[in-house]
Amino acid sequence: MAKKAVATFAAKAGAKSMVKCIRMDKSPKTGAYIFTERLVEAGKEKDFFNKK
């Protein structure tokens, strides 16, 4: 099960626009849910959510 949350950040002059992605994964050891947060470039969110 994956939880998808995307927050956008304003790009400054010359900077790439970044988004903060939060994915919920199930830990293989304990079975508890863990949250993975990462800042990724806009347009590459699908790659982040498709990785396991």
N, C-alpha and C. Protein backbone atom coordinates (compact mmCIF):
# COMPACT_ATOMS: atom_id res chain seq x y z
N MET A 1 0.83 -1.16 0.00
CA MET A 1 0.00 0.00 0.00
C MET A 1 0.88 1.23 0.00
N ALA A 2 0.57 2.19 -0.80
CA ALA A 2 1.38 3.39 -0.86
C ALA A 2 0.53 4.62 -0.63
N LYS A 3 1.06 5.52 0.14
CA LYS A 3 0.39 6.80 0.38
C LYS A 3 1.12 7.83 -0.46
N LYS A 4 0.38 8.59 -1.24
CA LYS A 4 1.01 9.56 -2.12
C LYS A 4 0.70 10.96 -1.63
N ALA A 5 1.75 11.71 -1.31
CA ALA A 5 1.59 13.10 -0.91
C ALA A 5 2.68 13.90 -1.60
N VAL A 6 2.31 14.94 -2.29
CA VAL A 6 3.28 15.74 -3.02
C VAL A 6 3.07 17.20 -2.64
N ALA A 7 4.14 17.87 -2.21
CA ALA A 7 4.10 19.30 -1.91
C ALA A 7 5.07 19.99 -2.84
N THR A 8 4.67 21.07 -3.46
CA THR A 8 5.54 21.77 -4.40
C THR A 8 6.20 22.95 -3.71
N PHE A 9 7.42 23.25 -4.12
CA PHE A 9 8.16 24.38 -3.61
C PHE A 9 8.46 25.32 -4.76
N ALA A 10 8.43 26.60 -4.51
CA ALA A 10 8.66 27.60 -5.55
C ALA A 10 10.13 27.56 -5.99
N ALA A 11 10.34 27.62 -7.28
CA ALA A 11 11.70 27.61 -7.82
C ALA A 11 12.23 29.04 -7.85
N LYS A 12 13.44 29.22 -7.36
CA LYS A 12 14.07 30.53 -7.40
C LYS A 12 14.78 30.68 -8.74
N ALA A 13 15.29 31.83 -9.00
CA ALA A 13 15.93 32.11 -10.29
C ALA A 13 17.06 31.11 -10.56
N GLY A 14 16.94 30.38 -11.63
CA GLY A 14 17.97 29.44 -12.04
C GLY A 14 17.91 28.09 -11.33
N ALA A 15 17.05 27.94 -10.34
CA ALA A 15 16.96 26.68 -9.60
C ALA A 15 15.91 25.78 -10.24
N LYS A 16 16.12 24.49 -10.13
CA LYS A 16 15.14 23.54 -10.63
C LYS A 16 14.00 23.46 -9.63
N SER A 17 12.81 23.27 -10.12
CA SER A 17 11.68 23.14 -9.20
C SER A 17 11.71 21.75 -8.58
N MET A 18 11.53 21.72 -7.28
CA MET A 18 11.61 20.48 -6.53
C MET A 18 10.27 20.23 -5.85
N VAL A 19 9.95 18.96 -5.64
CA VAL A 19 8.76 18.58 -4.91
C VAL A 19 9.16 17.61 -3.80
N LYS A 20 8.44 17.68 -2.70
CA LYS A 20 8.69 16.77 -1.58
C LYS A 20 7.70 15.63 -1.68
N CYS A 21 8.21 14.41 -1.81
CA CYS A 21 7.36 13.23 -1.94
C CYS A 21 7.49 12.39 -0.67
N ILE A 22 6.37 11.90 -0.21
CA ILE A 22 6.32 11.04 0.97
C ILE A 22 5.65 9.73 0.58
N ARG A 23 6.38 8.63 0.79
CA ARG A 23 5.85 7.31 0.44
C ARG A 23 5.80 6.45 1.71
N MET A 24 4.72 5.70 1.88
CA MET A 24 4.56 4.82 3.03
C MET A 24 4.87 3.39 2.58
N ASP A 25 5.84 2.77 3.23
CA ASP A 25 6.24 1.41 2.92
C ASP A 25 6.08 0.54 4.16
N LYS A 26 5.96 -0.75 3.94
CA LYS A 26 5.87 -1.69 5.04
C LYS A 26 7.25 -2.30 5.26
N SER A 27 7.73 -2.28 6.49
CA SER A 27 9.04 -2.82 6.83
C SER A 27 9.02 -4.34 6.72
N PRO A 28 10.00 -4.93 6.03
CA PRO A 28 10.01 -6.39 5.91
C PRO A 28 10.36 -7.09 7.22
N LYS A 29 11.08 -6.41 8.11
CA LYS A 29 11.48 -7.04 9.37
C LYS A 29 10.37 -7.06 10.40
N THR A 30 9.76 -5.89 10.63
CA THR A 30 8.79 -5.78 11.71
C THR A 30 7.35 -5.76 11.24
N GLY A 31 7.13 -5.43 9.98
CA GLY A 31 5.77 -5.32 9.48
C GLY A 31 5.14 -3.96 9.75
N ALA A 32 5.88 -3.08 10.43
CA ALA A 32 5.38 -1.74 10.72
C ALA A 32 5.54 -0.87 9.48
N TYR A 33 4.76 0.19 9.41
CA TYR A 33 4.85 1.11 8.29
C TYR A 33 5.92 2.17 8.56
N ILE A 34 6.70 2.48 7.53
CA ILE A 34 7.72 3.52 7.61
C ILE A 34 7.44 4.53 6.51
N PHE A 35 7.82 5.77 6.75
CA PHE A 35 7.60 6.83 5.79
C PHE A 35 8.93 7.24 5.20
N THR A 36 9.01 7.27 3.87
CA THR A 36 10.20 7.68 3.17
C THR A 36 9.93 9.04 2.53
N GLU A 37 10.71 10.05 2.91
CA GLU A 37 10.54 11.39 2.37
C GLU A 37 11.76 11.75 1.54
N ARG A 38 11.51 12.40 0.42
CA ARG A 38 12.63 12.80 -0.44
C ARG A 38 12.22 14.00 -1.28
N LEU A 39 13.16 14.91 -1.50
CA LEU A 39 12.96 16.00 -2.44
C LEU A 39 13.42 15.53 -3.80
N VAL A 40 12.54 15.56 -4.78
CA VAL A 40 12.87 15.13 -6.13
C VAL A 40 12.50 16.24 -7.11
N GLU A 41 13.10 16.19 -8.28
CA GLU A 41 12.79 17.18 -9.30
C GLU A 41 11.36 16.99 -9.80
N ALA A 42 10.75 18.09 -10.17
CA ALA A 42 9.39 18.03 -10.70
C ALA A 42 9.40 17.21 -11.98
N GLY A 43 8.48 16.32 -12.13
CA GLY A 43 8.40 15.45 -13.29
C GLY A 43 8.97 14.07 -13.05
N LYS A 44 9.69 13.88 -11.94
CA LYS A 44 10.27 12.57 -11.63
C LYS A 44 9.60 11.91 -10.43
N GLU A 45 8.38 12.37 -10.11
CA GLU A 45 7.66 11.81 -8.95
C GLU A 45 7.29 10.37 -9.18
N LYS A 46 6.91 10.04 -10.39
CA LYS A 46 6.48 8.67 -10.69
C LYS A 46 7.60 7.68 -10.47
N ASP A 47 8.85 8.06 -10.78
CA ASP A 47 9.99 7.18 -10.54
C ASP A 47 10.15 6.90 -9.05
N PHE A 48 9.96 7.93 -8.22
CA PHE A 48 10.08 7.76 -6.78
C PHE A 48 9.02 6.82 -6.24
N PHE A 49 7.77 6.98 -6.69
CA PHE A 49 6.69 6.16 -6.18
C PHE A 49 6.70 4.74 -6.75
N ASN A 50 7.33 4.53 -7.90
CA ASN A 50 7.36 3.18 -8.49
C ASN A 50 8.47 2.33 -7.89
N LYS A 51 9.48 2.94 -7.27
CA LYS A 51 10.57 2.16 -6.65
C LYS A 51 10.07 1.51 -5.38
N LYS A 52 10.59 0.31 -5.12
CA LYS A 52 10.23 -0.38 -3.88
C LYS A 52 11.46 -0.76 -3.13
